[in-house]
Amino acid sequence: MEGNLDYIYNELRETRTELLAYLNHGQKDERILQYILDELRDIETALNKMENGEYGKCEISGEYLPYELLQTIPTAKSVTELHQVEHFLRKPIYS
């Protein structure tokens, strides 16, 4: 997985730059400010984990999270978190 992390690392850094630019811009939409701050905190955590060699490990079990899911949700911290997101991604066959 090591070689594949460059793409995720670059994406996280780019997203961090965009969020910081929004925060440094004069007017801020208070309705989304907390979401931006939360996302920025998650990105910083993920980048720190990459630098410490801990990125991609489940914070609960210690097992590595599937790389395919980390590509989609690079700030994921645990398998439980991924399962919660999967619940929202499922579409019913019949409605």
PDB file of N, CA and C in Angstrom:
ATOM      1  N   MET A   1       0.825  -1.190   0.000  1.00  0.00           N
ATOM      2  CA  MET A   1       0.000   0.000   0.000  1.00  0.00           C
ATOM      3  C   MET A   1       0.870   1.255   0.000  1.00  0.00           C
ATOM      4  N   GLU A   2       2.093   1.180   0.446  1.00  0.00           N
ATOM      5  CA  GLU A   2       2.975   2.345   0.575  1.00  0.00           C
ATOM      6  C   GLU A   2       3.043   3.205  -0.674  1.00  0.00           C
ATOM      7  N   GLY A   3       3.319   2.598  -1.822  1.00  0.00           N
ATOM      8  CA  GLY A   3       3.469   3.367  -3.051  1.00  0.00           C
ATOM      9  C   GLY A   3       2.188   4.068  -3.478  1.00  0.00           C
ATOM     10  N   ASN A   4       1.063   3.497  -3.134  1.00  0.00           N
ATOM     11  CA  ASN A   4      -0.223   4.058  -3.519  1.00  0.00           C
ATOM     12  C   ASN A   4      -0.635   5.241  -2.651  1.00  0.00           C
ATOM     13  N   LEU A   5       0.036   5.451  -1.550  1.00  0.00           N
ATOM     14  CA  LEU A   5      -0.350   6.516  -0.633  1.00  0.00           C
ATOM     15  C   LEU A   5       0.008   7.901  -1.143  1.00  0.00           C
ATOM     16  N   ASP A   6       0.910   7.990  -2.105  1.00  0.00           N
ATOM     17  CA  ASP A   6       1.282   9.303  -2.636  1.00  0.00           C
ATOM     18  C   ASP A   6       0.074  10.050  -3.175  1.00  0.00           C
ATOM     19  N   TYR A   7      -0.793   9.353  -3.885  1.00  0.00           N
ATOM     20  CA  TYR A   7      -1.985   9.985  -4.447  1.00  0.00           C
ATOM     21  C   TYR A   7      -2.877  10.519  -3.325  1.00  0.00           C
ATOM     22  N   ILE A   8      -3.150   9.689  -2.320  1.00  0.00           N
ATOM     23  CA  ILE A   8      -4.004  10.103  -1.208  1.00  0.00           C
ATOM     24  C   ILE A   8      -3.349  11.246  -0.444  1.00  0.00           C
ATOM     25  N   TYR A   9      -2.058  11.154  -0.211  1.00  0.00           N
ATOM     26  CA  TYR A   9      -1.334  12.205   0.505  1.00  0.00           C
ATOM     27  C   TYR A   9      -1.469  13.544  -0.221  1.00  0.00           C
ATOM     28  N   ASN A  10      -1.271  13.528  -1.517  1.00  0.00           N
ATOM     29  CA  ASN A  10      -1.386  14.759  -2.305  1.00  0.00           C
ATOM     30  C   ASN A  10      -2.809  15.313  -2.291  1.00  0.00           C
ATOM     31  N   GLU A  11      -3.793  14.434  -2.379  1.00  0.00           N
ATOM     32  CA  GLU A  11      -5.185  14.867  -2.331  1.00  0.00           C
ATOM     33  C   GLU A  11      -5.521  15.507  -0.977  1.00  0.00           C
ATOM     34  N   LEU A  12      -5.048  14.893   0.095  1.00  0.00           N
ATOM     35  CA  LEU A  12      -5.292  15.451   1.426  1.00  0.00           C
ATOM     36  C   LEU A  12      -4.641  16.822   1.577  1.00  0.00           C
ATOM     37  N   ARG A  13      -3.422  16.950   1.095  1.00  0.00           N
ATOM     38  CA  ARG A  13      -2.740  18.244   1.187  1.00  0.00           C
ATOM     39  C   ARG A  13      -3.449  19.311   0.365  1.00  0.00           C
ATOM     40  N   GLU A  14      -3.916  18.943  -0.808  1.00  0.00           N
ATOM     41  CA  GLU A  14      -4.629  19.892  -1.664  1.00  0.00           C
ATOM     42  C   GLU A  14      -5.949  20.324  -1.016  1.00  0.00           C
ATOM     43  N   THR A  15      -6.663  19.375  -0.447  1.00  0.00           N
ATOM     44  CA  THR A  15      -7.916  19.689   0.227  1.00  0.00           C
ATOM     45  C   THR A  15      -7.665  20.586   1.436  1.00  0.00           C
ATOM     46  N   ARG A  16      -6.608  20.288   2.185  1.00  0.00           N
ATOM     47  CA  ARG A  16      -6.250  21.137   3.330  1.00  0.00           C
ATOM     48  C   ARG A  16      -5.986  22.569   2.876  1.00  0.00           C
ATOM     49  N   THR A  17      -5.252  22.725   1.778  1.00  0.00           N
ATOM     50  CA  THR A  17      -4.965  24.055   1.244  1.00  0.00           C
ATOM     51  C   THR A  17      -6.248  24.790   0.876  1.00  0.00           C
ATOM     52  N   GLU A  18      -7.185  24.085   0.248  1.00  0.00           N
ATOM     53  CA  GLU A  18      -8.457  24.700  -0.141  1.00  0.00           C
ATOM     54  C   GLU A  18      -9.275  25.119   1.082  1.00  0.00           C
ATOM     55  N   LEU A  19      -9.310  24.266   2.099  1.00  0.00           N
ATOM     56  CA  LEU A  19     -10.062  24.597   3.302  1.00  0.00           C
ATOM     57  C   LEU A  19      -9.444  25.785   4.044  1.00  0.00           C
ATOM     58  N   LEU A  20      -8.122  25.796   4.123  1.00  0.00           N
ATOM     59  CA  LEU A  20      -7.450  26.922   4.774  1.00  0.00           C
ATOM     60  C   LEU A  20      -7.678  28.213   4.007  1.00  0.00           C
ATOM     61  N   ALA A  21      -7.700  28.138   2.690  1.00  0.00           N
ATOM     62  CA  ALA A  21      -7.972  29.326   1.878  1.00  0.00           C
ATOM     63  C   ALA A  21      -9.373  29.845   2.173  1.00  0.00           C
ATOM     64  N   TYR A  22     -10.333  28.927   2.314  1.00  0.00           N
ATOM     65  CA  TYR A  22     -11.698  29.345   2.651  1.00  0.00           C
ATOM     66  C   TYR A  22     -11.719  30.038   4.016  1.00  0.00           C
ATOM     67  N   LEU A  23     -11.026  29.455   4.990  1.00  0.00           N
ATOM     68  CA  LEU A  23     -11.016  30.032   6.332  1.00  0.00           C
ATOM     69  C   LEU A  23     -10.317  31.387   6.366  1.00  0.00           C
ATOM     70  N   ASN A  24      -9.336  31.580   5.508  1.00  0.00           N
ATOM     71  CA  ASN A  24      -8.599  32.840   5.477  1.00  0.00           C
ATOM     72  C   ASN A  24      -9.297  33.910   4.637  1.00  0.00           C
ATOM     73  N   HIS A  25     -10.293  33.493   3.877  1.00  0.00           N
ATOM     74  CA  HIS A  25     -11.074  34.432   3.072  1.00  0.00           C
ATOM     75  C   HIS A  25     -11.944  35.259   4.018  1.00  0.00           C
ATOM     76  N   GLY A  26     -12.224  36.474   3.645  1.00  0.00           N
ATOM     77  CA  GLY A  26     -12.946  37.395   4.509  1.00  0.00           C
ATOM     78  C   GLY A  26     -14.274  36.893   5.040  1.00  0.00           C
ATOM     79  N   GLN A  27     -15.201  36.519   4.174  1.00  0.00           N
ATOM     80  CA  GLN A  27     -16.532  36.123   4.613  1.00  0.00           C
ATOM     81  C   GLN A  27     -16.617  34.611   4.743  1.00  0.00           C
ATOM     82  N   LYS A  28     -17.205  34.165   5.847  1.00  0.00           N
ATOM     83  CA  LYS A  28     -17.374  32.735   6.086  1.00  0.00           C
ATOM     84  C   LYS A  28     -18.851  32.450   6.313  1.00  0.00           C
ATOM     85  N   ASP A  29     -19.313  31.365   5.753  1.00  0.00           N
ATOM     86  CA  ASP A  29     -20.687  30.937   5.971  1.00  0.00           C
ATOM     87  C   ASP A  29     -20.726  30.172   7.297  1.00  0.00           C
ATOM     88  N   GLU A  30     -21.309  30.779   8.303  1.00  0.00           N
ATOM     89  CA  GLU A  30     -21.353  30.183   9.640  1.00  0.00           C
ATOM     90  C   GLU A  30     -22.068  28.832   9.656  1.00  0.00           C
ATOM     91  N   ARG A  31     -22.952  28.606   8.690  1.00  0.00           N
ATOM     92  CA  ARG A  31     -23.694  27.347   8.654  1.00  0.00           C
ATOM     93  C   ARG A  31     -22.791  26.159   8.357  1.00  0.00           C
ATOM     94  N   ILE A  32     -21.698  26.388   7.642  1.00  0.00           N
ATOM     95  CA  ILE A  32     -20.820  25.260   7.300  1.00  0.00           C
ATOM     96  C   ILE A  32     -19.447  25.348   7.968  1.00  0.00           C
ATOM     97  N   LEU A  33     -19.215  26.383   8.733  1.00  0.00           N
ATOM     98  CA  LEU A  33     -17.905  26.584   9.341  1.00  0.00           C
ATOM     99  C   LEU A  33     -17.467  25.402  10.208  1.00  0.00           C
ATOM    100  N   GLN A  34     -18.370  24.877  11.044  1.00  0.00           N
ATOM    101  CA  GLN A  34     -18.009  23.754  11.909  1.00  0.00           C
ATOM    102  C   GLN A  34     -17.658  22.508  11.093  1.00  0.00           C
ATOM    103  N   TYR A  35     -18.362  22.277   9.988  1.00  0.00           N
ATOM    104  CA  TYR A  35     -18.048  21.128   9.127  1.00  0.00           C
ATOM    105  C   TYR A  35     -16.648  21.265   8.524  1.00  0.00           C
ATOM    106  N   ILE A  36     -16.309  22.479   8.129  1.00  0.00           N
ATOM    107  CA  ILE A  36     -14.987  22.723   7.557  1.00  0.00           C
ATOM    108  C   ILE A  36     -13.909  22.508   8.605  1.00  0.00           C
ATOM    109  N   LEU A  37     -14.128  23.010   9.802  1.00  0.00           N
ATOM    110  CA  LEU A  37     -13.141  22.826  10.876  1.00  0.00           C
ATOM    111  C   LEU A  37     -12.984  21.356  11.243  1.00  0.00           C
ATOM    112  N   ASP A  38     -14.086  20.613  11.280  1.00  0.00           N
ATOM    113  CA  ASP A  38     -14.026  19.172  11.558  1.00  0.00           C
ATOM    114  C   ASP A  38     -13.257  18.436  10.467  1.00  0.00           C
ATOM    115  N   GLU A  39     -13.536  18.773   9.212  1.00  0.00           N
ATOM    116  CA  GLU A  39     -12.846  18.128   8.092  1.00  0.00           C
ATOM    117  C   GLU A  39     -11.355  18.454   8.119  1.00  0.00           C
ATOM    118  N   LEU A  40     -11.041  19.696   8.407  1.00  0.00           N
ATOM    119  CA  LEU A  40      -9.642  20.104   8.489  1.00  0.00           C
ATOM    120  C   LEU A  40      -8.917  19.328   9.595  1.00  0.00           C
ATOM    121  N   ARG A  41      -9.569  19.148  10.722  1.00  0.00           N
ATOM    122  CA  ARG A  41      -8.984  18.377  11.834  1.00  0.00           C
ATOM    123  C   ARG A  41      -8.751  16.926  11.409  1.00  0.00           C
ATOM    124  N   ASP A  42      -9.727  16.337  10.704  1.00  0.00           N
ATOM    125  CA  ASP A  42      -9.578  14.951  10.234  1.00  0.00           C
ATOM    126  C   ASP A  42      -8.439  14.827   9.220  1.00  0.00           C
ATOM    127  N   ILE A  43      -8.299  15.817   8.358  1.00  0.00           N
ATOM    128  CA  ILE A  43      -7.220  15.806   7.364  1.00  0.00           C
ATOM    129  C   ILE A  43      -5.867  15.900   8.053  1.00  0.00           C
ATOM    130  N   GLU A  44      -5.751  16.777   9.033  1.00  0.00           N
ATOM    131  CA  GLU A  44      -4.491  16.909   9.775  1.00  0.00           C
ATOM    132  C   GLU A  44      -4.135  15.597  10.474  1.00  0.00           C
ATOM    133  N   THR A  45      -5.141  14.936  11.049  1.00  0.00           N
ATOM    134  CA  THR A  45      -4.911  13.647  11.702  1.00  0.00           C
ATOM    135  C   THR A  45      -4.411  12.616  10.695  1.00  0.00           C
ATOM    136  N   ALA A  46      -5.050  12.548   9.532  1.00  0.00           N
ATOM    137  CA  ALA A  46      -4.650  11.585   8.499  1.00  0.00           C
ATOM    138  C   ALA A  46      -3.228  11.866   8.021  1.00  0.00           C
ATOM    139  N   LEU A  47      -2.884  13.130   7.792  1.00  0.00           N
ATOM    140  CA  LEU A  47      -1.534  13.483   7.347  1.00  0.00           C
ATOM    141  C   LEU A  47      -0.498  13.121   8.412  1.00  0.00           C
ATOM    142  N   ASN A  48      -0.810  13.365   9.673  1.00  0.00           N
ATOM    143  CA  ASN A  48       0.109  12.993  10.753  1.00  0.00           C
ATOM    144  C   ASN A  48       0.306  11.485  10.811  1.00  0.00           C
ATOM    145  N   LYS A  49      -0.780  10.739  10.609  1.00  0.00           N
ATOM    146  CA  LYS A  49      -0.670   9.277  10.601  1.00  0.00           C
ATOM    147  C   LYS A  49       0.212   8.810   9.447  1.00  0.00           C
ATOM    148  N   MET A  50       0.088   9.444   8.294  1.00  0.00           N
ATOM    149  CA  MET A  50       0.938   9.085   7.155  1.00  0.00           C
ATOM    150  C   MET A  50       2.408   9.317   7.486  1.00  0.00           C
ATOM    151  N   GLU A  51       2.682  10.447   8.084  1.00  0.00           N
ATOM    152  CA  GLU A  51       4.069  10.787   8.420  1.00  0.00           C
ATOM    153  C   GLU A  51       4.635   9.859   9.482  1.00  0.00           C
ATOM    154  N   ASN A  52       3.763   9.288  10.341  1.00  0.00           N
ATOM    155  CA  ASN A  52       4.208   8.388  11.408  1.00  0.00           C
ATOM    156  C   ASN A  52       4.089   6.915  11.047  1.00  0.00           C
ATOM    157  N   GLY A  53       3.651   6.626   9.813  1.00  0.00           N
ATOM    158  CA  GLY A  53       3.523   5.238   9.376  1.00  0.00           C
ATOM    159  C   GLY A  53       2.314   4.513   9.958  1.00  0.00           C
ATOM    160  N   GLU A  54       1.333   5.234  10.458  1.00  0.00           N
ATOM    161  CA  GLU A  54       0.153   4.630  11.064  1.00  0.00           C
ATOM    162  C   GLU A  54      -1.102   4.783  10.210  1.00  0.00           C
ATOM    163  N   TYR A  55      -0.965   5.374   9.040  1.00  0.00           N
ATOM    164  CA  TYR A  55      -2.135   5.638   8.203  1.00  0.00           C
ATOM    165  C   TYR A  55      -2.752   4.347   7.695  1.00  0.00           C
ATOM    166  N   GLY A  56      -4.078   4.311   7.717  1.00  0.00           N
ATOM    167  CA  GLY A  56      -4.798   3.170   7.175  1.00  0.00           C
ATOM    168  C   GLY A  56      -5.094   2.084   8.182  1.00  0.00           C
ATOM    169  N   LYS A  57      -4.602   2.224   9.406  1.00  0.00           N
ATOM    170  CA  LYS A  57      -4.881   1.237  10.449  1.00  0.00           C
ATOM    171  C   LYS A  57      -6.158   1.628  11.182  1.00  0.00           C
ATOM    172  N   CYS A  58      -6.996   0.636  11.419  1.00  0.00           N
ATOM    173  CA  CYS A  58      -8.213   0.845  12.187  1.00  0.00           C
ATOM    174  C   CYS A  58      -7.828   1.215  13.615  1.00  0.00           C
ATOM    175  N   GLU A  59      -8.400   2.301  14.130  1.00  0.00           N
ATOM    176  CA  GLU A  59      -8.093   2.744  15.487  1.00  0.00           C
ATOM    177  C   GLU A  59      -8.680   1.817  16.547  1.00  0.00           C
ATOM    178  N   ILE A  60      -9.569   0.923  16.137  1.00  0.00           N
ATOM    179  CA  ILE A  60     -10.179  -0.009  17.087  1.00  0.00           C
ATOM    180  C   ILE A  60      -9.458  -1.356  17.080  1.00  0.00           C
ATOM    181  N   SER A  61      -9.300  -1.943  15.896  1.00  0.00           N
ATOM    182  CA  SER A  61      -8.728  -3.296  15.806  1.00  0.00           C
ATOM    183  C   SER A  61      -7.235  -3.317  15.481  1.00  0.00           C
ATOM    184  N   GLY A  62      -6.727  -2.238  14.887  1.00  0.00           N
ATOM    185  CA  GLY A  62      -5.323  -2.214  14.479  1.00  0.00           C
ATOM    186  C   GLY A  62      -5.075  -2.824  13.115  1.00  0.00           C
ATOM    187  N   GLU A  63      -6.120  -3.383  12.507  1.00  0.00           N
ATOM    188  CA  GLU A  63      -5.980  -3.966  11.171  1.00  0.00           C
ATOM    189  C   GLU A  63      -6.031  -2.858  10.126  1.00  0.00           C
ATOM    190  N   TYR A  64      -5.447  -3.151   8.964  1.00  0.00           N
ATOM    191  CA  TYR A  64      -5.459  -2.158   7.895  1.00  0.00           C
ATOM    192  C   TYR A  64      -6.828  -2.082   7.232  1.00  0.00           C
ATOM    193  N   LEU A  65      -7.254  -0.867   6.952  1.00  0.00           N
ATOM    194  CA  LEU A  65      -8.512  -0.629   6.249  1.00  0.00           C
ATOM    195  C   LEU A  65      -8.293  -0.887   4.761  1.00  0.00           C
ATOM    196  N   PRO A  66      -9.340  -1.289   4.048  1.00  0.00           N
ATOM    197  CA  PRO A  66      -9.193  -1.544   2.605  1.00  0.00           C
ATOM    198  C   PRO A  66      -8.770  -0.277   1.857  1.00  0.00           C
ATOM    199  N   TYR A  67      -7.745  -0.402   1.051  1.00  0.00           N
ATOM    200  CA  TYR A  67      -7.210   0.742   0.309  1.00  0.00           C
ATOM    201  C   TYR A  67      -8.269   1.382  -0.578  1.00  0.00           C
ATOM    202  N   GLU A  68      -9.125   0.569  -1.184  1.00  0.00           N
ATOM    203  CA  GLU A  68     -10.160   1.096  -2.070  1.00  0.00           C
ATOM    204  C   GLU A  68     -11.079   2.062  -1.325  1.00  0.00           C
ATOM    205  N   LEU A  69     -11.372   1.752  -0.068  1.00  0.00           N
ATOM    206  CA  LEU A  69     -12.221   2.635   0.721  1.00  0.00           C
ATOM    207  C   LEU A  69     -11.456   3.876   1.180  1.00  0.00           C
ATOM    208  N   LEU A  70     -10.176   3.733   1.436  1.00  0.00           N
ATOM    209  CA  LEU A  70      -9.368   4.891   1.817  1.00  0.00           C
ATOM    210  C   LEU A  70      -9.246   5.874   0.657  1.00  0.00           C
ATOM    211  N   GLN A  71      -9.296   5.373  -0.554  1.00  0.00           N
ATOM    212  CA  GLN A  71      -9.274   6.269  -1.712  1.00  0.00           C
ATOM    213  C   GLN A  71     -10.531   7.132  -1.731  1.00  0.00           C
ATOM    214  N   THR A  72     -11.647   6.571  -1.306  1.00  0.00           N
ATOM    215  CA  THR A  72     -12.909   7.285  -1.294  1.00  0.00           C
ATOM    216  C   THR A  72     -13.059   8.142  -0.044  1.00  0.00           C
ATOM    217  N   ILE A  73     -12.649   7.603   1.102  1.00  0.00           N
ATOM    218  CA  ILE A  73     -12.770   8.297   2.381  1.00  0.00           C
ATOM    219  C   ILE A  73     -11.386   8.288   3.044  1.00  0.00           C
ATOM    220  N   PRO A  74     -10.499   9.169   2.601  1.00  0.00           N
ATOM    221  CA  PRO A  74      -9.118   9.130   3.086  1.00  0.00           C
ATOM    222  C   PRO A  74      -8.939   9.507   4.553  1.00  0.00           C
ATOM    223  N   THR A  75      -9.974  10.041   5.181  1.00  0.00           N
ATOM    224  CA  THR A  75      -9.870  10.404   6.595  1.00  0.00           C
ATOM    225  C   THR A  75     -10.498   9.356   7.513  1.00  0.00           C
ATOM    226  N   ALA A  76     -10.866   8.209   6.962  1.00  0.00           N
ATOM    227  CA  ALA A  76     -11.486   7.147   7.764  1.00  0.00           C
ATOM    228  C   ALA A  76     -10.544   6.705   8.874  1.00  0.00           C
ATOM    229  N   LYS A  77     -11.131   6.470  10.049  1.00  0.00           N
ATOM    230  CA  LYS A  77     -10.331   6.102  11.221  1.00  0.00           C
ATOM    231  C   LYS A  77     -10.544   4.666  11.679  1.00  0.00           C
ATOM    232  N   SER A  78     -11.690   4.081  11.300  1.00  0.00           N
ATOM    233  CA  SER A  78     -11.973   2.735  11.788  1.00  0.00           C
ATOM    234  C   SER A  78     -12.906   1.998  10.837  1.00  0.00           C
ATOM    235  N   VAL A  79     -12.957   0.698  11.017  1.00  0.00           N
ATOM    236  CA  VAL A  79     -13.867  -0.137  10.233  1.00  0.00           C
ATOM    237  C   VAL A  79     -15.305   0.257  10.568  1.00  0.00           C
ATOM    238  N   THR A  80     -15.564   0.558  11.825  1.00  0.00           N
ATOM    239  CA  THR A  80     -16.904   0.959  12.240  1.00  0.00           C
ATOM    240  C   THR A  80     -17.352   2.200  11.482  1.00  0.00           C
ATOM    241  N   GLU A  81     -16.480   3.163  11.352  1.00  0.00           N
ATOM    242  CA  GLU A  81     -16.788   4.381  10.614  1.00  0.00           C
ATOM    243  C   GLU A  81     -17.113   4.068   9.152  1.00  0.00           C
ATOM    244  N   LEU A  82     -16.351   3.181   8.565  1.00  0.00           N
ATOM    245  CA  LEU A  82     -16.598   2.797   7.168  1.00  0.00           C
ATOM    246  C   LEU A  82     -17.941   2.092   7.015  1.00  0.00           C
ATOM    247  N   HIS A  83     -18.295   1.250   7.982  1.00  0.00           N
ATOM    248  CA  HIS A  83     -19.584   0.558   7.918  1.00  0.00           C
ATOM    249  C   HIS A  83     -20.742   1.551   8.027  1.00  0.00           C
ATOM    250  N   GLN A  84     -20.565   2.589   8.827  1.00  0.00           N
ATOM    251  CA  GLN A  84     -21.606   3.608   8.940  1.00  0.00           C
ATOM    252  C   GLN A  84     -21.799   4.317   7.608  1.00  0.00           C
ATOM    253  N   VAL A  85     -20.720   4.599   6.915  1.00  0.00           N
ATOM    254  CA  VAL A  85     -20.811   5.256   5.615  1.00  0.00           C
ATOM    255  C   VAL A  85     -21.422   4.316   4.590  1.00  0.00           C
ATOM    256  N   GLU A  86     -21.032   3.046   4.611  1.00  0.00           N
ATOM    257  CA  GLU A  86     -21.584   2.067   3.673  1.00  0.00           C
ATOM    258  C   GLU A  86     -23.101   2.000   3.787  1.00  0.00           C
ATOM    259  N   HIS A  87     -23.622   2.141   4.973  1.00  0.00           N
ATOM    260  CA  HIS A  87     -25.068   2.102   5.183  1.00  0.00           C
ATOM    261  C   HIS A  87     -25.769   3.169   4.342  1.00  0.00           C
ATOM    262  N   PHE A  88     -25.164   4.332   4.229  1.00  0.00           N
ATOM    263  CA  PHE A  88     -25.763   5.412   3.459  1.00  0.00           C
ATOM    264  C   PHE A  88     -25.541   5.246   1.959  1.00  0.00           C
ATOM    265  N   LEU A  89     -24.576   4.433   1.575  1.00  0.00           N
ATOM    266  CA  LEU A  89     -24.293   4.225   0.159  1.00  0.00           C
ATOM    267  C   LEU A  89     -25.195   3.174  -0.472  1.00  0.00           C
ATOM    268  N   ARG A  90     -25.806   2.357   0.331  1.00  0.00           N
ATOM    269  CA  ARG A  90     -26.658   1.295  -0.196  1.00  0.00           C
ATOM    270  C   ARG A  90     -27.960   1.862  -0.714  1.00  0.00           C
ATOM    271  N   LYS A  91     -28.357   1.364  -1.853  1.00  0.00           N
ATOM    272  CA  LYS A  91     -29.610   1.777  -2.482  1.00  0.00           C
ATOM    273  C   LYS A  91     -30.541   0.563  -2.510  1.00  0.00           C
ATOM    274  N   PRO A  92     -31.824   0.759  -2.191  1.00  0.00           N
ATOM    275  CA  PRO A  92     -32.753  -0.375  -2.254  1.00  0.00           C
ATOM    276  C   PRO A  92     -33.002  -0.791  -3.711  1.00  0.00           C
ATOM    277  N   ILE A  93     -33.162  -2.073  -3.917  1.00  0.00           N
ATOM    278  CA  ILE A  93     -33.466  -2.573  -5.254  1.00  0.00           C
ATOM    279  C   ILE A  93     -34.896  -2.202  -5.617  1.00  0.00           C
ATOM    280  N   TYR A  94     -35.791  -2.370  -4.659  1.00  0.00           N
ATOM    281  CA  TYR A  94     -37.186  -2.025  -4.884  1.00  0.00           C
ATOM    282  C   TYR A  94     -37.582  -0.943  -3.885  1.00  0.00           C
ATOM    283  N   SER A  95     -38.368   0.014  -4.356  1.00  0.00           N
ATOM    284  CA  SER A  95     -38.814   1.041  -3.416  1.00  0.00           C
ATOM    285  C   SER A  95     -40.303   1.033  -3.246  1.00  0.00           C
TER     286      SER A  95
END
